[in-house]
Amino acid sequence: MNAPPSPLIELQDVGVCYRSNKSFASSQKKEIWALDRINMTLHRGEKLGVIGRNGCGKSTLMRVLAGIYSIDRGRARFQPDLHVQLLSLGIGFESNLSGRENAVLNGMLMGKSRRHMLSRVEAIYEFSELGEFFDYPVATYSSGMNARLGFAVAMETDPDVLLIDEVLGVGDAKFAEKSAAALLGKFTGDHTLVLISHDPHTIARLCTRAVWIEKGVTMAEGPVNEVTTRYLEHLHAAG
């Protein structure tokens, strides 16, 4: 019998600590564990939902998965040369570069070749609907224009793992409808996706497996209906 494929990502008892500066009342730095004991796996082709209340550590977890944050304890295993992208909607763009230049640079930072990104840049331009602003510095963009560019780049770079932080539509109503449809297309394909949300109904509708975290700790991991049911029961019991 063939062994099951190894996960793309595996976290074991992962913790991330924020250390505040010394206060007037104490000579000790305060430690805040945004993540305490996180355990989860992600396999190729999965649609994994990460559910939990606001402030439970979901956004910190996504930044660990994206490689933005390092961990303070535990073990994080990533398959070699894995390309993971956080759908951040414009966070991290170089303000002095144009939208076109940022699109190419963002893809190259994801491990794509310059030639590949140049071949996709017109598709990014068309999807973003930025018009002539595509060749203007990002410093001149509104937040909505940043969102359009960030979303278009994320759709066209086609990473191994796409991380989605509670965003299923951005911009005005027309663009929000288009972006939501594009994301839903990813969920119905063979892409590997991680969606974080505090809404169990969204997770149950789009994902096949789920992880519930509470105060930085993995409370449950498994089939989406089982995990979301346990999460809802917890919310009802807590009042």
Protein backbone atom coordinates (compact mmCIF):
# COMPACT_ATOMS: atom_id res chain seq x y z
CA MET A 1 0.00 0.00 0.00
CA ASN A 2 1.32 3.43 -0.97
CA ALA A 3 1.93 5.85 1.89
CA PRO A 4 -0.28 8.96 1.89
CA PRO A 5 1.41 12.06 0.47
CA SER A 6 3.17 14.20 3.03
CA PRO A 7 1.45 17.51 3.86
CA LEU A 8 2.51 20.74 2.18
CA ILE A 9 2.55 22.40 5.60
CA GLU A 10 2.59 20.89 9.09
CA LEU A 11 2.55 22.86 12.35
CA GLN A 12 3.24 21.14 15.67
CA ASP A 13 2.69 23.00 18.97
CA VAL A 14 3.56 26.29 17.28
CA GLY A 15 3.74 29.43 19.39
CA VAL A 16 4.30 33.09 18.50
CA CYS A 17 5.05 35.58 21.26
CA TYR A 18 4.78 39.35 21.19
CA ARG A 19 7.06 41.04 23.74
CA SER A 20 6.12 44.53 24.85
CA ASN A 21 8.58 47.15 26.09
CA LYS A 22 9.21 47.56 29.81
CA SER A 23 6.48 49.49 31.58
CA PHE A 24 6.87 52.09 34.30
CA ALA A 25 5.28 49.71 36.79
CA SER A 26 7.52 46.77 36.03
CA SER A 27 11.07 46.12 34.96
CA GLN A 28 9.93 42.98 33.10
CA LYS A 29 8.89 42.82 29.48
CA LYS A 30 5.37 41.49 29.08
CA GLU A 31 4.93 38.39 26.95
CA ILE A 32 1.74 37.95 24.94
CA TRP A 33 1.35 34.61 23.19
CA ALA A 34 -0.71 35.36 20.08
CA LEU A 35 -0.35 31.68 19.20
CA ASP A 36 0.24 29.17 21.97
CA ARG A 37 -0.24 25.58 20.80
CA ILE A 38 -1.24 25.46 17.15
CA ASN A 39 -1.41 22.06 15.46
CA MET A 40 -2.58 21.68 11.86
CA THR A 41 -1.73 20.16 8.49
CA LEU A 42 -2.45 21.27 4.94
CA HIS A 43 -2.41 18.86 1.99
CA ARG A 44 -2.28 19.64 -1.71
CA GLY A 45 -5.69 20.47 -3.18
CA GLU A 46 -7.36 21.05 0.19
CA LYS A 47 -9.72 23.90 0.96
CA LEU A 48 -8.96 24.45 4.63
CA GLY A 49 -11.00 26.82 6.78
CA VAL A 50 -9.52 28.43 9.89
CA ILE A 51 -12.30 29.56 12.20
CA GLY A 52 -12.30 31.47 15.46
CA ARG A 53 -13.50 34.63 17.15
CA ASN A 54 -11.88 38.01 16.61
CA GLY A 55 -8.55 38.19 18.44
CA CYS A 56 -8.05 34.43 18.61
CA GLY A 57 -4.85 34.49 16.53
CA LYS A 58 -6.16 33.82 13.02
CA SER A 59 -4.29 36.68 11.34
CA THR A 60 -1.05 35.81 13.15
CA LEU A 61 -1.44 32.21 11.98
CA MET A 62 -1.85 33.36 8.37
CA ARG A 63 1.36 35.36 8.62
CA VAL A 64 3.18 32.30 9.95
CA LEU A 65 1.88 30.27 7.00
CA ALA A 66 2.98 33.04 4.61
CA GLY A 67 6.47 33.12 6.12
CA ILE A 68 6.08 36.71 7.34
CA TYR A 69 6.34 35.79 11.03
CA SER A 70 8.84 33.38 12.53
CA ILE A 71 7.76 31.09 15.35
CA ASP A 72 9.03 31.19 18.93
CA ARG A 73 8.42 27.55 19.75
CA GLY A 74 7.17 24.35 18.22
CA ARG A 75 7.90 23.08 14.75
CA ALA A 76 6.78 24.28 11.32
CA ARG A 77 7.48 22.09 8.30
CA PHE A 78 7.04 23.41 4.75
CA GLN A 79 7.68 21.42 1.59
CA PRO A 80 10.79 22.73 -0.22
CA ASP A 81 10.25 25.56 -2.73
CA LEU A 82 6.63 25.97 -1.66
CA HIS A 83 5.11 29.23 -2.94
CA VAL A 84 2.59 30.62 -0.46
CA GLN A 85 0.78 33.92 -1.01
CA LEU A 86 -1.34 35.88 1.44
CA LEU A 87 -4.16 37.76 -0.28
CA SER A 88 -3.24 41.01 1.41
CA LEU A 89 -4.84 43.38 -1.10
CA GLY A 90 -1.94 45.72 -1.61
CA ILE A 91 -0.01 45.48 1.65
CA GLY A 92 3.70 45.51 0.87
CA PHE A 93 3.61 47.26 -2.51
CA GLU A 94 6.47 49.68 -3.21
CA SER A 95 4.79 53.10 -3.22
CA ASN A 96 7.25 54.70 -5.67
CA LEU A 97 6.79 51.98 -8.29
CA SER A 98 3.88 51.79 -10.69
CA GLY A 99 1.14 49.21 -10.48
CA ARG A 100 2.69 47.41 -13.46
CA GLU A 101 6.14 47.33 -11.85
CA ASN A 102 4.69 46.17 -8.53
CA ALA A 103 2.79 43.37 -10.25
CA VAL A 104 5.98 42.01 -11.80
CA LEU A 105 8.03 42.48 -8.61
CA ASN A 106 5.37 40.83 -6.42
CA GLY A 107 5.34 37.76 -8.63
CA MET A 108 9.12 37.54 -8.68
CA LEU A 109 9.17 37.69 -4.88
CA MET A 110 6.82 34.71 -5.02
CA GLY A 111 9.42 32.77 -7.00
CA LYS A 112 7.99 33.37 -10.46
CA SER A 113 10.38 34.31 -13.25
CA ARG A 114 10.40 37.82 -14.70
CA ARG A 115 9.47 36.34 -18.07
CA HIS A 116 6.45 34.59 -16.54
CA MET A 117 5.23 37.75 -14.84
CA LEU A 118 5.69 39.82 -17.98
CA SER A 119 3.51 37.28 -19.78
CA ARG A 120 0.78 37.71 -17.13
CA VAL A 121 0.97 41.47 -16.62
CA GLU A 122 -1.65 42.32 -19.26
CA ALA A 123 -4.11 39.89 -17.62
CA ILE A 124 -3.42 41.63 -14.28
CA TYR A 125 -4.00 44.99 -15.96
CA GLU A 126 -7.32 43.84 -17.43
CA PHE A 127 -8.57 42.25 -14.22
CA SER A 128 -7.64 45.23 -12.04
CA GLU A 129 -9.60 47.70 -14.20
CA LEU A 130 -7.13 50.43 -13.17
CA GLY A 131 -6.84 51.89 -16.65
CA GLU A 132 -4.06 54.45 -17.03
CA PHE A 133 -3.42 54.34 -13.27
CA PHE A 134 -1.79 50.93 -13.79
CA ASP A 135 1.30 52.86 -14.89
CA TYR A 136 1.09 55.47 -12.11
CA PRO A 137 3.00 55.16 -8.80
CA VAL A 138 1.10 53.18 -6.19
CA ALA A 139 1.58 56.18 -3.86
CA THR A 140 -1.17 57.89 -5.88
CA TYR A 141 -3.65 55.03 -5.36
CA SER A 142 -6.69 55.04 -3.12
CA SER A 143 -7.23 52.08 -0.78
CA GLY A 144 -9.74 50.69 -3.27
CA MET A 145 -7.24 50.86 -6.12
CA ASN A 146 -4.63 49.12 -3.95
CA ALA A 147 -7.18 46.40 -3.28
CA ARG A 148 -7.88 45.97 -7.00
CA LEU A 149 -4.19 45.63 -7.83
CA GLY A 150 -3.50 43.27 -4.94
CA PHE A 151 -6.42 41.04 -5.83
CA ALA A 152 -5.53 40.94 -9.53
CA VAL A 153 -1.91 39.99 -8.76
CA ALA A 154 -3.03 37.24 -6.35
CA MET A 155 -5.34 35.75 -8.99
CA GLU A 156 -2.65 35.68 -11.67
CA THR A 157 0.47 34.55 -9.77
CA ASP A 158 -1.17 31.15 -9.09
CA PRO A 159 0.82 30.22 -5.93
CA ASP A 160 1.01 26.68 -4.56
CA VAL A 161 -1.04 27.85 -1.55
CA LEU A 162 -3.32 30.89 -1.50
CA LEU A 163 -4.15 32.32 1.93
CA ILE A 164 -7.38 34.35 2.08
CA ASP A 165 -8.05 36.56 5.08
CA GLU A 166 -11.85 36.96 5.29
CA VAL A 167 -12.04 38.71 1.91
CA LEU A 168 -14.43 37.36 -0.71
CA GLY A 169 -14.99 40.58 -2.63
CA VAL A 170 -13.30 43.96 -2.83
CA GLY A 171 -13.91 47.39 -4.31
CA ASP A 172 -17.21 48.69 -5.64
CA ALA A 173 -20.22 46.43 -6.16
CA LYS A 174 -19.33 45.46 -9.73
CA PHE A 175 -15.70 44.64 -8.96
CA ALA A 176 -16.70 42.89 -5.71
CA GLU A 177 -18.96 40.58 -7.71
CA LYS A 178 -16.16 39.83 -10.18
CA SER A 179 -13.57 39.21 -7.46
CA ALA A 180 -15.94 36.96 -5.50
CA ALA A 181 -16.60 34.92 -8.65
CA ALA A 182 -12.85 34.58 -9.28
CA LEU A 183 -12.27 33.34 -5.74
CA LEU A 184 -15.14 30.89 -5.92
CA GLY A 185 -13.57 29.52 -9.09
CA LYS A 186 -10.43 28.78 -7.06
CA PHE A 187 -12.51 26.92 -4.48
CA THR A 188 -14.07 24.68 -7.13
CA GLY A 189 -10.74 23.88 -8.81
CA ASP A 190 -7.72 21.89 -7.67
CA HIS A 191 -6.03 24.84 -5.97
CA THR A 192 -4.81 24.65 -2.37
CA LEU A 193 -6.52 27.33 -0.29
CA VAL A 194 -6.68 28.45 3.33
CA LEU A 195 -9.58 30.72 4.29
CA ILE A 196 -9.82 32.34 7.71
CA SER A 197 -13.12 33.66 9.03
CA HIS A 198 -15.18 34.09 12.17
CA ASP A 199 -18.26 33.03 10.15
CA PRO A 200 -18.87 29.27 10.36
CA HIS A 201 -21.42 29.38 7.53
CA THR A 202 -18.84 30.77 5.08
CA ILE A 203 -16.33 28.10 6.15
CA ALA A 204 -18.92 25.31 5.87
CA ARG A 205 -19.99 26.49 2.40
CA LEU A 206 -16.52 26.81 0.86
CA CYS A 207 -14.18 24.44 2.71
CA THR A 208 -13.86 20.68 3.08
CA ARG A 209 -11.82 20.62 6.29
CA ALA A 210 -11.48 23.09 9.14
CA VAL A 211 -9.36 24.14 12.10
CA TRP A 212 -10.90 25.94 15.09
CA ILE A 213 -8.57 28.04 17.21
CA GLU A 214 -9.34 29.76 20.50
CA LYS A 215 -6.89 32.06 22.30
CA GLY A 216 -4.05 30.82 20.11
CA VAL A 217 -4.73 27.12 20.72
CA THR A 218 -6.04 24.51 18.27
CA MET A 219 -9.36 23.33 19.70
CA ALA A 220 -10.40 21.03 16.83
CA GLU A 221 -9.26 19.95 13.37
CA GLY A 222 -11.17 17.72 10.98
CA PRO A 223 -14.18 17.52 8.62
CA VAL A 224 -15.69 20.96 8.19
CA ASN A 225 -19.18 20.11 9.46
CA GLU A 226 -17.85 18.52 12.65
CA VAL A 227 -15.55 21.44 13.45
CA THR A 228 -18.06 24.19 12.69
CA THR A 229 -20.72 22.37 14.76
CA ARG A 230 -18.37 22.23 17.75
CA TYR A 231 -17.51 25.90 17.27
CA LEU A 232 -21.19 26.94 17.19
CA GLU A 233 -21.95 24.85 20.26
CA HIS A 234 -19.08 26.61 22.05
CA LEU A 235 -20.42 30.04 21.06
CA HIS A 236 -23.93 29.20 22.24
CA ALA A 237 -22.65 27.84 25.55
CA ALA A 238 -20.55 30.97 26.08
CA GLY A 239 -23.64 33.11 25.51
